[in-house]
Amino acid sequence: MINAYNYFFFRVYDWQNRWWASSADPRLIASLAVSLLLYINLLSLYRIVPYVAGITVRIDAVYLLLAAVILGGINALYIFRSDRVQRIHERFGSETERDRRLNLAWCWYYVAASKIVFITSVQTLPLM
């Protein structure tokens, strides 16, 4: 699981670094992108699990925002460790073209599936 997290971070970091390196810190953008996607997945679970279990769960919006800030903070602490980005880059920076295409396809699949599940959970499930 942590390999998938690190790879997704690496892809966003690499993309950001290649195209817009001068506009913002690529570590920050990649960390925010990973945090946002994880948060969307947590919100989807917040909607789907109670519905499937047949229970009612209510969480105030302030706590959902707090969860987003905490998740972002945890990601930032993980990523901004002094050598973390370098180690991730060493791990994935020398992948073959075939591996890169396959792994990149999985990243796009994960992003698309997360988006579809989130939108579906918001539009179709009753508010608990």
Foldseek 3Di string as FASTA:
>chain_A
DVLLLLVQLLVQLVVCCVPPVPPDPSLLVSLLVSLVLVLLLVVLCVLPVCVVVVHADDDDPVVSVVVSVVSSVVSCVQRVDPCNNVVSCVVPVPDDPVVVVVSVVVSVVSSVVSVVSSVCSVPPGDHD
